[in-house]
């Protein structure tokens, strides 16, 4: 049937009709809020390049976690910013590190909140790379021990999920083995399986001070043109013991996310990263677009492409708009 018998606009005529026939719905249950944890107390430091985002000390982070629970956010992802950095990122697995103490504090005050932790060395190394550097290059295998030790320290503190973001080969299998050996068989692994060497990470690096002092991360993060390789990365991580997979960034890689949804019957996450978040805010501040509508549309696109879990700095604001 064709026009004039078929009129597609009939089911768009009112808000009630549009609501009834929507194919994709964004829910607060889809959202994870990334949070930055620093040393000290009483800290709630605004990140200049990320409007509405803050660095928290452990005590103020607990208050933020409670607010997230109140608006219905089911999970947070913690990133640590240490007071001291060194060549091996020794602070990453320190028992009294900011993330470790934050996990304990948040689980103590919000026991039903799912606490995820980013497992990487870039925030903790003085060179800013995600692994141990040897002879001017990031050494894959020596980095695995450091990453696994970090994951175990997070699990020991009470993390529900560890999320390795380093993109070293073999890190999922190594972390799974060490978690199991330590008695943490129930701690899940959310793997940053398809993490691309993207231009969209700039504000994050500003927030945590992790810009590499030399070179870049293209020798270990994925080359942006490669979608088939992303499927291979994801399949290998599943074989190595990952419980869920992530595509990062989200919007420039919706094709990768949609393809992963077709190929893998496992929970899929997508990270709406700092650059994606900040450029919407920047345009909104200039009056070039409606920031709230643009943010909601971006997250809906990620959900429509196949994500079960959306990590976004807009989580709290969006959850408030979604309501109950």
Protein backbone atom coordinates (compact mmCIF):
# COMPACT_ATOMS: atom_id res chain seq x y z
CA UNK A 1 0.00 0.00 0.00
CA UNK A 2 1.20 3.51 -0.75
CA UNK A 3 0.16 7.13 -0.31
CA UNK A 4 -2.56 8.32 0.09
CA UNK A 5 -3.78 5.06 1.69
CA UNK A 6 -0.59 4.69 3.77
CA UNK A 7 0.14 7.75 5.87
CA UNK A 8 3.05 7.22 8.27
CA UNK A 9 2.30 10.45 10.10
CA UNK A 10 -0.93 9.05 11.57
CA UNK A 11 0.97 7.38 14.40
CA UNK A 12 3.01 10.52 15.11
CA UNK A 13 0.10 12.92 15.58
CA UNK A 14 0.18 13.13 19.38
CA UNK A 15 2.51 12.57 22.27
CA UNK A 16 0.36 9.67 23.48
CA UNK A 17 0.58 7.90 20.10
CA UNK A 18 4.31 8.46 19.85
CA UNK A 19 4.82 7.05 23.33
CA UNK A 20 2.81 3.93 22.58
CA UNK A 21 4.72 2.96 19.43
CA UNK A 22 8.28 3.79 20.50
CA UNK A 23 10.63 0.96 19.59
CA UNK A 24 13.48 1.90 21.93
CA UNK A 25 13.24 3.24 25.47
CA UNK A 26 16.01 4.69 27.58
CA UNK A 27 15.82 3.75 31.24
CA UNK A 28 17.68 4.77 34.37
CA UNK A 29 18.57 1.08 34.66
CA UNK A 30 20.73 1.44 31.53
CA UNK A 31 23.01 4.07 33.05
CA UNK A 32 26.38 3.94 34.81
CA UNK A 33 27.94 7.10 36.25
CA UNK A 34 31.75 7.41 35.96
CA UNK A 35 33.30 9.13 38.99
CA UNK A 36 36.79 10.52 39.67
CA UNK A 37 38.34 9.92 43.10
CA UNK A 38 41.26 11.94 44.49
CA UNK A 39 43.25 11.94 47.71
CA UNK A 40 42.39 14.28 50.58
CA UNK A 41 39.12 15.23 52.23
CA UNK A 42 36.36 17.69 51.52
CA UNK A 43 37.29 17.82 47.83
CA UNK A 44 34.68 18.52 45.17
CA UNK A 45 36.77 20.00 42.38
CA UNK A 46 35.10 20.93 39.09
CA UNK A 47 36.66 19.59 35.89
CA UNK A 48 36.94 22.67 33.68
CA UNK A 49 36.58 20.81 30.39
CA UNK A 50 33.62 18.72 31.56
CA UNK A 51 30.74 20.92 32.78
CA UNK A 52 28.91 19.35 35.72
CA UNK A 53 31.67 16.80 36.40
CA UNK A 54 33.81 16.84 39.56
CA UNK A 55 36.79 15.19 41.20
CA UNK A 56 35.75 13.88 44.62
CA UNK A 57 37.65 12.85 47.70
CA UNK A 58 36.32 9.69 49.31
CA UNK A 59 34.13 11.51 51.83
CA UNK A 60 32.40 13.72 49.27
CA UNK A 61 32.15 10.79 46.84
CA UNK A 62 29.93 8.97 49.30
CA UNK A 63 27.48 11.86 49.20
CA UNK A 64 27.50 11.79 45.41
CA UNK A 65 26.89 8.04 45.43
CA UNK A 66 23.86 8.52 47.67
CA UNK A 67 22.47 11.12 45.27
CA UNK A 68 22.91 8.70 42.39
CA UNK A 69 21.06 6.00 44.29
CA UNK A 70 18.26 8.47 45.03
CA UNK A 71 17.73 9.18 41.32
CA UNK A 72 17.77 5.47 40.46
CA UNK A 73 21.25 4.98 38.99
CA UNK A 74 22.22 1.31 39.52
CA UNK A 75 26.01 1.54 39.14
CA UNK A 76 29.12 3.71 39.23
CA UNK A 77 32.54 3.32 37.63
CA UNK A 78 35.45 4.61 39.72
CA UNK A 79 38.67 6.16 38.42
CA UNK A 80 41.50 6.99 40.80
CA UNK A 81 43.79 10.02 40.70
CA UNK A 82 46.76 9.46 43.03
CA UNK A 83 48.82 12.11 44.78
CA UNK A 84 52.02 10.40 43.59
CA UNK A 85 52.82 8.78 40.25
CA UNK A 86 55.79 6.63 39.26
CA UNK A 87 57.10 4.56 36.38
CA UNK A 88 55.22 1.37 37.28
CA UNK A 89 52.02 2.92 38.58
CA UNK A 90 52.59 1.43 42.02
CA UNK A 91 49.64 3.34 43.46
CA UNK A 92 47.17 1.43 41.30
CA UNK A 93 47.04 -1.55 43.65
CA UNK A 94 47.81 0.20 46.94
CA UNK A 95 45.55 -1.10 49.69
CA UNK A 96 45.02 2.46 50.91
CA UNK A 97 44.66 3.96 47.44
CA UNK A 98 41.85 6.36 46.61
CA UNK A 99 39.86 3.81 44.61
CA UNK A 100 40.29 1.05 47.17
CA UNK A 101 39.11 3.31 49.99
CA UNK A 102 36.31 4.66 47.82
CA UNK A 103 35.02 1.18 47.06
CA UNK A 104 34.90 0.32 50.76
CA UNK A 105 33.20 3.60 51.64
CA UNK A 106 30.61 3.47 48.87
CA UNK A 107 29.72 -0.18 49.48
CA UNK A 108 29.46 0.59 53.17
CA UNK A 109 27.02 3.46 52.65
CA UNK A 110 25.21 2.24 49.52
CA UNK A 111 25.39 -1.57 49.66
CA UNK A 112 22.95 -2.10 46.80
CA UNK A 113 24.83 0.18 44.40
CA UNK A 114 26.92 -1.78 41.89
CA UNK A 115 30.50 -0.56 42.14
CA UNK A 116 32.67 -0.98 39.06
CA UNK A 117 36.33 -0.02 38.93
CA UNK A 118 38.48 0.97 35.99
CA UNK A 119 41.61 -1.19 35.86
CA UNK A 120 44.43 0.63 34.11
CA UNK A 121 47.79 2.19 34.92
CA UNK A 122 47.58 5.45 32.94
CA UNK A 123 46.31 7.53 35.87
CA UNK A 124 49.09 6.16 38.09
CA UNK A 125 52.18 6.27 35.85
CA UNK A 126 54.40 9.31 35.56
CA UNK A 127 54.68 8.71 31.79
CA UNK A 128 50.89 8.47 31.30
CA UNK A 129 50.85 5.16 29.45
CA UNK A 130 48.56 2.27 30.29
CA UNK A 131 51.32 -0.24 31.00
CA UNK A 132 54.92 -0.65 32.04
CA UNK A 133 57.41 1.04 29.71
CA UNK A 134 60.59 -0.79 28.72
CA UNK A 135 63.11 0.53 26.20
CA UNK A 136 60.79 3.35 25.21
CA UNK A 137 57.82 1.09 24.44
CA UNK A 138 54.82 -0.17 26.41
CA UNK A 139 55.70 -3.76 27.31
CA UNK A 140 52.67 -6.02 27.10
CA UNK A 141 53.50 -9.06 29.24
CA UNK A 142 55.21 -7.24 32.15
CA UNK A 143 52.12 -5.02 32.39
CA UNK A 144 49.78 -7.96 32.97
CA UNK A 145 51.02 -8.66 36.49
CA UNK A 146 50.48 -5.03 37.49
CA UNK A 147 46.98 -4.96 36.01
CA UNK A 148 45.98 -8.21 37.70
CA UNK A 149 47.29 -6.99 41.05
CA UNK A 150 45.22 -3.85 40.63
CA UNK A 151 42.06 -5.82 39.82
CA UNK A 152 42.57 -8.07 42.86
CA UNK A 153 43.05 -5.04 45.12
CA UNK A 154 39.74 -3.62 43.89
CA UNK A 155 38.00 -6.95 44.45
CA UNK A 156 39.46 -7.18 47.94
CA UNK A 157 38.04 -3.73 48.70
CA UNK A 158 34.59 -4.93 47.65
CA UNK A 159 34.21 -4.09 43.95
CA UNK A 160 31.41 -5.92 42.17
CA UNK A 161 32.91 -5.52 38.69
CA UNK A 162 36.43 -4.78 37.46
CA UNK A 163 36.80 -3.16 34.06
CA UNK A 164 40.23 -3.44 32.40
CA UNK A 165 40.71 -0.56 29.95
CA UNK A 166 44.41 -0.90 29.12
CA UNK A 167 44.08 -2.94 25.90
CA UNK A 168 47.06 -5.17 26.68
CA UNK A 169 46.81 -8.59 25.04
CA UNK A 170 45.91 -11.32 27.52
CA UNK A 171 44.84 -9.07 30.36
CA UNK A 172 41.35 -10.57 30.74
CA UNK A 173 42.68 -14.12 31.12
CA UNK A 174 45.38 -12.97 33.55
CA UNK A 175 42.93 -10.98 35.66
CA UNK A 176 40.39 -13.82 35.70
CA UNK A 177 43.03 -16.28 36.84
CA UNK A 178 44.25 -14.00 39.64
CA UNK A 179 40.73 -13.15 40.80
CA UNK A 180 39.84 -16.83 40.97
CA UNK A 181 43.07 -17.70 42.76
CA UNK A 182 42.31 -14.99 45.32
CA UNK A 183 38.84 -16.31 46.03
CA UNK A 184 37.02 -13.66 44.00
CA UNK A 185 35.26 -15.95 41.56
CA UNK A 186 32.07 -13.90 41.78
CA UNK A 187 33.67 -10.60 40.75
CA UNK A 188 32.71 -9.92 37.15
CA UNK A 189 34.92 -8.57 34.37
CA UNK A 190 33.57 -5.87 32.06
CA UNK A 191 36.21 -5.69 29.36
CA UNK A 192 36.95 -2.56 27.38
CA UNK A 193 37.20 -5.00 24.50
CA UNK A 194 36.92 -2.59 21.55
CA UNK A 195 38.63 0.57 22.80
CA UNK A 196 39.73 2.77 19.94
CA UNK A 197 42.62 5.25 19.82
CA UNK A 198 40.23 8.17 19.72
CA UNK A 199 40.42 11.95 19.66
CA UNK A 200 37.42 12.05 21.99
CA UNK A 201 39.34 11.32 25.22
CA UNK A 202 40.83 14.80 25.67
CA UNK A 203 38.67 16.09 28.55
CA UNK A 204 39.15 12.82 30.46
CA UNK A 205 42.91 13.16 30.23
CA UNK A 206 42.54 16.68 31.53
CA UNK A 207 40.49 15.37 34.45
CA UNK A 208 42.96 12.68 35.54
CA UNK A 209 46.26 14.05 34.20
CA UNK A 210 46.98 11.01 32.03
CA UNK A 211 48.19 12.53 28.76
CA UNK A 212 51.25 10.49 27.68
CA UNK A 213 54.56 12.28 28.10
CA UNK A 214 55.80 10.70 24.88
CA UNK A 215 54.25 9.08 21.86
CA UNK A 216 50.60 8.03 21.92
CA UNK A 217 48.48 4.96 22.59
CA UNK A 218 48.01 3.79 19.02
CA UNK A 219 50.23 0.74 19.45
CA UNK A 220 47.76 -0.79 21.92
CA UNK A 221 44.40 0.93 21.49
CA UNK A 222 42.51 0.00 18.34
CA UNK A 223 42.92 1.72 14.98
CA UNK A 224 39.63 3.59 14.27
CA UNK A 225 39.08 2.19 10.75
CA UNK A 226 38.95 -1.45 11.93
CA UNK A 227 35.56 -3.02 12.67
CA UNK A 228 36.38 -6.63 11.86
CA UNK A 229 39.34 -6.46 14.20
CA UNK A 230 37.00 -5.18 16.93
CA UNK A 231 34.91 -8.33 16.59
CA UNK A 232 38.04 -10.44 16.96
CA UNK A 233 39.11 -8.50 20.06
CA UNK A 234 35.69 -9.03 21.61
CA UNK A 235 35.60 -12.70 20.82
CA UNK A 236 39.06 -13.23 22.33
CA UNK A 237 38.05 -11.44 25.53
CA UNK A 238 34.95 -13.60 25.83
CA UNK A 239 37.08 -16.71 25.38
CA UNK A 240 39.44 -15.40 28.07
CA UNK A 241 36.66 -15.01 30.63
CA UNK A 242 35.03 -11.60 30.17
CA UNK A 243 31.46 -11.43 31.46
CA UNK A 244 30.50 -8.32 29.49
CA UNK A 245 32.03 -6.33 26.63
CA UNK A 246 32.43 -2.62 25.98
CA UNK A 247 32.75 -0.43 22.90
CA UNK A 248 34.54 2.88 23.50
CA UNK A 249 33.84 5.59 22.36
CA UNK A 250 30.16 5.13 21.61
CA UNK A 251 28.74 7.48 18.98
CA UNK A 252 31.55 7.31 16.39
CA UNK A 253 31.43 3.50 16.68
CA UNK A 254 27.72 2.74 16.65
CA UNK A 255 28.31 0.47 13.68
CA UNK A 256 30.73 -1.59 15.77
CA UNK A 257 28.25 -1.71 18.63
CA UNK A 258 25.40 -2.79 16.35
CA UNK A 259 27.55 -5.49 14.78
CA UNK A 260 28.61 -6.72 18.21
CA UNK A 261 24.95 -6.91 19.22
CA UNK A 262 24.33 -9.21 16.27
CA UNK A 263 27.37 -11.41 16.93
CA UNK A 264 27.49 -11.74 20.75
CA UNK A 265 24.72 -12.82 23.07
CA UNK A 266 26.31 -11.22 26.14
CA UNK A 267 25.80 -7.92 27.97
CA UNK A 268 27.17 -5.05 25.89
CA UNK A 269 28.29 -1.70 27.25
CA UNK A 270 29.13 1.49 25.42
CA UNK A 271 31.07 4.40 26.90
CA UNK A 272 29.72 7.84 25.99
CA UNK A 273 33.13 9.37 26.57
CA UNK A 274 34.30 12.76 27.81
CA UNK A 275 34.66 14.35 24.37
CA UNK A 276 31.19 13.26 23.31
CA UNK A 277 29.76 14.67 26.54
CA UNK A 278 31.72 17.92 26.53
CA UNK A 279 31.08 18.88 22.93
CA UNK A 280 27.32 18.74 23.52
CA UNK A 281 27.75 21.00 26.54
CA UNK A 282 30.03 23.36 24.61
CA UNK A 283 27.52 23.70 21.78
CA UNK A 284 24.67 24.20 24.25
CA UNK A 285 26.60 26.94 26.05
CA UNK A 286 26.90 28.74 22.73
CA UNK A 287 23.19 28.41 22.14
CA UNK A 288 23.74 26.27 19.07
CA UNK A 289 21.53 23.41 20.19
CA UNK A 290 19.26 22.24 23.00
CA UNK A 291 21.74 20.49 25.28
CA UNK A 292 19.28 18.30 27.14
CA UNK A 293 17.56 17.08 23.98
CA UNK A 294 20.90 16.46 22.27
CA UNK A 295 22.21 14.47 25.24
CA UNK A 296 19.06 12.37 25.47
CA UNK A 297 19.14 11.74 21.72
CA UNK A 298 22.78 10.66 21.87
CA UNK A 299 22.12 8.16 24.64
CA UNK A 300 19.00 6.86 22.91
CA UNK A 301 21.05 6.24 19.77
CA UNK A 302 23.52 4.19 21.82
CA UNK A 303 20.68 2.14 23.28
CA UNK A 304 19.08 1.69 19.85
CA UNK A 305 22.37 0.40 18.44
CA UNK A 306 22.36 -2.40 20.99
CA UNK A 307 23.90 -1.32 24.29
CA UNK A 308 22.55 -2.84 27.48
CA UNK A 309 24.77 -0.59 29.62
CA UNK A 310 25.60 3.05 28.90
CA UNK A 311 28.43 4.73 30.78
CA UNK A 312 27.92 8.47 30.65
CA UNK A 313 28.86 11.57 32.63
CA UNK A 314 25.30 12.73 32.04
CA UNK A 315 23.85 9.82 34.02
CA UNK A 316 22.52 11.79 36.99
CA UNK A 317 21.01 14.59 34.94
CA UNK A 318 19.41 12.19 32.48
CA UNK A 319 18.06 9.99 35.27
CA UNK A 320 16.38 13.00 36.82
CA UNK A 321 14.71 13.80 33.50
CA UNK A 322 13.58 10.23 33.02
CA UNK A 323 11.97 10.14 36.44
CA UNK A 324 10.27 6.99 37.61
